Structure formats: structure tokens, C-alpha cells
Amino acid sequence: MRKKIRFIEIKIRQFIWLIKNIGKPDTYDEVIYKGDKYWIKSSLTGYNIWNLYKNEEKNPTYFRIKGDDLKVKRSFKKLKNTIKLMMRFQKNTWQQIDMENRIGSRLTFYNSEDIKYNFEKWNTNKK
């Protein structure tokens, strides 16, 4: 029974996480920046920091732009794919870890700076 309750709780928390993050930029999104259209890839220098590319160019036009400064162009097809990919990410990467945590605990993945593990569970050298 505990596992069923925890599973339902995880799905609700994942859905809330999805709603909070659905409008944020994602890799290869088409965005508007300073009135022009670009597509984006992660700058690999921090959370929600992007490099902007124009058309088919291989080198970025702008480096390390904050996601808050971009306006994401969304379509129904892109929205549907984003939801599917975000939920697949949670299921394949974190859901099994979350199932092992107690009822009422938060999701393991919140963002890249807030990932915590319970290492005591695996510590075989307890004193």
C-alpha cells in the first residue's frame, strides 16, 4: 500500500514540476531575442544559460544568454513533445530513486543544484 501511495504522490509532484517548467527554454527551441529569431543550445556554463544560433550557422551568434531574457516560440506540437520528454526524463532517471524515499519527501530531481541522495541507506560500514 505504501508503494502505491508513494507512486501517486510522485506522479502528482512530477506533474507540478512539469507545469512549473513547461514555459522555460529547452535545447533546440526557437526563441525571440532582441526582436530576431534564433534557436538555442545549452552553453554548458550553468542552469538556464543558452547560446543562440541563427539559421544554419555552426557558431553561436550570442553566448551565455539567460533563459529569462528569451521569449520561447511554442506550438501545440512542441508543447506535446516537451511534456512527453520531461515526463520520460523523470520516469527513466529519477522515479525509481524517488520510490525508495519515504512518503512526503520531495522529488530527488528539483534542479541541477538541488540533488540529494540518502547515502546512509547504502553505507555498509555503519558503526
C-alpha atoms as a PDB file:
ATOM      1  CA  MET A   1       0.000   0.000   0.000  1.00  0.00           C
ATOM      2  CA  ARG A   2       2.870   2.378   0.841  1.00  0.00           C
ATOM      3  CA  LYS A   3       4.328   1.945  -2.654  1.00  0.00           C
ATOM      4  CA  LYS A   4       1.002   2.773  -4.335  1.00  0.00           C
ATOM      5  CA  ILE A   5       0.577   5.916  -2.245  1.00  0.00           C
ATOM      6  CA  ARG A   6       4.182   6.969  -2.922  1.00  0.00           C
ATOM      7  CA  PHE A   7       3.738   6.290  -6.658  1.00  0.00           C
ATOM      8  CA  ILE A   8       0.637   8.519  -6.812  1.00  0.00           C
ATOM      9  CA  GLU A   9       2.435  11.200  -4.801  1.00  0.00           C
ATOM     10  CA  ILE A  10       5.434  11.085  -7.172  1.00  0.00           C
ATOM     11  CA  LYS A  11       3.197  11.433 -10.236  1.00  0.00           C
ATOM     12  CA  ILE A  12       1.455  14.460  -8.702  1.00  0.00           C
ATOM     13  CA  ARG A  13       4.796  16.061  -7.801  1.00  0.00           C
ATOM     14  CA  GLN A  14       6.172  15.330 -11.290  1.00  0.00           C
ATOM     15  CA  PHE A  15       3.111  16.968 -12.846  1.00  0.00           C
ATOM     16  CA  ILE A  16       3.547  20.068 -10.671  1.00  0.00           C
ATOM     17  CA  TRP A  17       7.261  20.163 -11.625  1.00  0.00           C
ATOM     18  CA  LEU A  18       6.236  19.883 -15.289  1.00  0.00           C
ATOM     19  CA  ILE A  19       3.756  22.779 -15.047  1.00  0.00           C
ATOM     20  CA  LYS A  20       6.355  24.995 -13.333  1.00  0.00           C
ATOM     21  CA  ASN A  21       8.968  24.279 -16.022  1.00  0.00           C
ATOM     22  CA  ILE A  22       6.898  23.983 -19.203  1.00  0.00           C
ATOM     23  CA  GLY A  23       7.495  27.552 -20.390  1.00  0.00           C
ATOM     24  CA  LYS A  24      11.245  27.563 -19.827  1.00  0.00           C
ATOM     25  CA  PRO A  25      13.595  27.307 -22.800  1.00  0.00           C
ATOM     26  CA  ASP A  26      14.823  23.888 -23.875  1.00  0.00           C
ATOM     27  CA  THR A  27      17.552  22.766 -26.268  1.00  0.00           C
ATOM     28  CA  TYR A  28      16.739  23.469 -29.930  1.00  0.00           C
ATOM     29  CA  ASP A  29      13.765  25.672 -29.085  1.00  0.00           C
ATOM     30  CA  GLU A  30      13.074  28.562 -31.398  1.00  0.00           C
ATOM     31  CA  VAL A  31      13.277  31.803 -29.426  1.00  0.00           C
ATOM     32  CA  ILE A  32      12.994  35.541 -29.920  1.00  0.00           C
ATOM     33  CA  TYR A  33      15.870  37.658 -28.627  1.00  0.00           C
ATOM     34  CA  LYS A  34      16.148  41.395 -29.335  1.00  0.00           C
ATOM     35  CA  GLY A  35      13.417  41.044 -31.967  1.00  0.00           C
ATOM     36  CA  ASP A  36      15.163  38.311 -34.013  1.00  0.00           C
ATOM     37  CA  LYS A  37      14.560  34.562 -34.255  1.00  0.00           C
ATOM     38  CA  TYR A  38      17.214  32.110 -33.055  1.00  0.00           C
ATOM     39  CA  TRP A  39      17.448  28.512 -31.951  1.00  0.00           C
ATOM     40  CA  ILE A  40      19.226  27.594 -28.753  1.00  0.00           C
ATOM     41  CA  LYS A  41      21.634  25.075 -27.292  1.00  0.00           C
ATOM     42  CA  SER A  42      22.901  24.887 -23.745  1.00  0.00           C
ATOM     43  CA  SER A  43      26.014  26.924 -23.049  1.00  0.00           C
ATOM     44  CA  LEU A  44      27.154  24.256 -20.544  1.00  0.00           C
ATOM     45  CA  THR A  45      28.133  27.055 -18.175  1.00  0.00           C
ATOM     46  CA  GLY A  46      25.151  26.996 -15.841  1.00  0.00           C
ATOM     47  CA  TYR A  47      21.485  26.297 -15.369  1.00  0.00           C
ATOM     48  CA  ASN A  48      19.212  28.069 -17.888  1.00  0.00           C
ATOM     49  CA  ILE A  49      22.112  29.729 -19.741  1.00  0.00           C
ATOM     50  CA  TRP A  50      21.971  29.443 -23.543  1.00  0.00           C
ATOM     51  CA  ASN A  51      23.940  30.036 -26.722  1.00  0.00           C
ATOM     52  CA  LEU A  52      21.876  31.449 -29.599  1.00  0.00           C
ATOM     53  CA  TYR A  53      22.279  30.351 -33.202  1.00  0.00           C
ATOM     54  CA  LYS A  54      20.963  31.993 -36.352  1.00  0.00           C
ATOM     55  CA  ASN A  55      19.534  29.721 -39.083  1.00  0.00           C
ATOM     56  CA  GLU A  56      22.070  27.031 -40.097  1.00  0.00           C
ATOM     57  CA  GLU A  57      25.173  28.675 -38.620  1.00  0.00           C
ATOM     58  CA  LYS A  58      27.557  26.388 -36.729  1.00  0.00           C
ATOM     59  CA  ASN A  59      28.916  29.085 -34.414  1.00  0.00           C
ATOM     60  CA  PRO A  60      26.678  30.888 -31.915  1.00  0.00           C
ATOM     61  CA  THR A  61      25.594  34.447 -32.598  1.00  0.00           C
ATOM     62  CA  TYR A  62      25.251  35.135 -28.854  1.00  0.00           C
ATOM     63  CA  PHE A  63      26.947  33.361 -25.953  1.00  0.00           C
ATOM     64  CA  ARG A  64      25.656  32.709 -22.407  1.00  0.00           C
ATOM     65  CA  ILE A  65      22.239  34.387 -22.573  1.00  0.00           C
ATOM     66  CA  LYS A  66      19.949  33.955 -19.556  1.00  0.00           C
ATOM     67  CA  GLY A  67      16.779  32.000 -20.249  1.00  0.00           C
ATOM     68  CA  ASP A  68      14.711  34.761 -18.635  1.00  0.00           C
ATOM     69  CA  ASP A  69      15.800  37.121 -21.446  1.00  0.00           C
ATOM     70  CA  LEU A  70      14.374  34.837 -24.158  1.00  0.00           C
ATOM     71  CA  LYS A  71      10.842  34.523 -25.453  1.00  0.00           C
ATOM     72  CA  VAL A  72      10.173  30.905 -26.401  1.00  0.00           C
ATOM     73  CA  LYS A  73       8.085  30.275 -29.501  1.00  0.00           C
ATOM     74  CA  ARG A  74       5.708  27.416 -28.732  1.00  0.00           C
ATOM     75  CA  SER A  75       3.341  25.399 -30.850  1.00  0.00           C
ATOM     76  CA  PHE A  76       0.932  22.652 -29.855  1.00  0.00           C
ATOM     77  CA  LYS A  77       3.240  20.024 -31.377  1.00  0.00           C
ATOM     78  CA  LYS A  78       6.252  21.381 -29.471  1.00  0.00           C
ATOM     79  CA  LEU A  79       4.217  21.565 -26.236  1.00  0.00           C
ATOM     80  CA  LYS A  80       3.118  17.947 -26.627  1.00  0.00           C
ATOM     81  CA  ASN A  81       6.686  16.767 -27.283  1.00  0.00           C
ATOM     82  CA  THR A  82       8.057  18.796 -24.359  1.00  0.00           C
ATOM     83  CA  ILE A  83       5.549  17.258 -21.941  1.00  0.00           C
ATOM     84  CA  LYS A  84       6.366  13.783 -23.209  1.00  0.00           C
ATOM     85  CA  LEU A  85      10.140  14.305 -22.947  1.00  0.00           C
ATOM     86  CA  MET A  86      10.008  15.903 -19.485  1.00  0.00           C
ATOM     87  CA  MET A  87       7.874  13.104 -18.053  1.00  0.00           C
ATOM     88  CA  ARG A  88      10.074  10.466 -19.710  1.00  0.00           C
ATOM     89  CA  PHE A  89      13.124  12.152 -18.157  1.00  0.00           C
ATOM     90  CA  GLN A  90      11.576  11.963 -14.686  1.00  0.00           C
ATOM     91  CA  LYS A  91      10.476   8.349 -15.120  1.00  0.00           C
ATOM     92  CA  ASN A  92      13.693   6.988 -16.614  1.00  0.00           C
ATOM     93  CA  THR A  93      16.127   8.966 -14.483  1.00  0.00           C
ATOM     94  CA  TRP A  94      14.661   9.625 -11.044  1.00  0.00           C
ATOM     95  CA  GLN A  95      11.399   7.772 -10.450  1.00  0.00           C
ATOM     96  CA  GLN A  96      12.931   4.557  -9.076  1.00  0.00           C
ATOM     97  CA  ILE A  97      15.081   6.567  -6.653  1.00  0.00           C
ATOM     98  CA  ASP A  98      12.021   8.557  -5.560  1.00  0.00           C
ATOM     99  CA  MET A  99      10.054   5.345  -4.933  1.00  0.00           C
ATOM    100  CA  GLU A 100      12.621   4.349  -2.291  1.00  0.00           C
ATOM    101  CA  ASN A 101      12.161   7.590  -0.336  1.00  0.00           C
ATOM    102  CA  ARG A 102       9.509   7.990   2.335  1.00  0.00           C
ATOM    103  CA  ILE A 103       6.007   9.323   1.713  1.00  0.00           C
ATOM    104  CA  GLY A 104       6.006  13.114   1.912  1.00  0.00           C
ATOM    105  CA  SER A 105       9.593  13.578   0.743  1.00  0.00           C
ATOM    106  CA  ARG A 106      10.259  15.784  -2.234  1.00  0.00           C
ATOM    107  CA  LEU A 107      11.351  14.624  -5.676  1.00  0.00           C
ATOM    108  CA  THR A 108      15.034  13.791  -5.879  1.00  0.00           C
ATOM    109  CA  PHE A 109      15.455  15.945  -9.002  1.00  0.00           C
ATOM    110  CA  TYR A 110      14.485  19.554  -8.461  1.00  0.00           C
ATOM    111  CA  ASN A 111      17.186  21.257 -10.484  1.00  0.00           C
ATOM    112  CA  SER A 112      20.881  20.709 -11.020  1.00  0.00           C
ATOM    113  CA  GLU A 113      21.842  22.424  -7.746  1.00  0.00           C
ATOM    114  CA  ASP A 114      19.377  20.565  -5.535  1.00  0.00           C
ATOM    115  CA  ILE A 115      20.021  16.845  -5.970  1.00  0.00           C
ATOM    116  CA  LYS A 116      20.400  14.999  -2.698  1.00  0.00           C
ATOM    117  CA  TYR A 117      20.921  11.309  -2.030  1.00  0.00           C
ATOM    118  CA  ASN A 118      20.450   9.292   1.114  1.00  0.00           C
ATOM    119  CA  PHE A 119      23.849   7.585   1.261  1.00  0.00           C
ATOM    120  CA  GLU A 120      23.197   6.111   4.719  1.00  0.00           C
ATOM    121  CA  LYS A 121      20.937   3.540   3.087  1.00  0.00           C
ATOM    122  CA  TRP A 122      23.877   2.056   1.162  1.00  0.00           C
ATOM    123  CA  ASN A 123      26.553   2.503   3.809  1.00  0.00           C
ATOM    124  CA  THR A 124      27.592  -0.995   4.885  1.00  0.00           C
ATOM    125  CA  ASN A 125      30.301   0.255   7.275  1.00  0.00           C
ATOM    126  CA  LYS A 126      27.952   1.601   9.952  1.00  0.00           C
ATOM    127  CA  LYS A 127      29.462   1.955  13.415  1.00  0.00           C
END
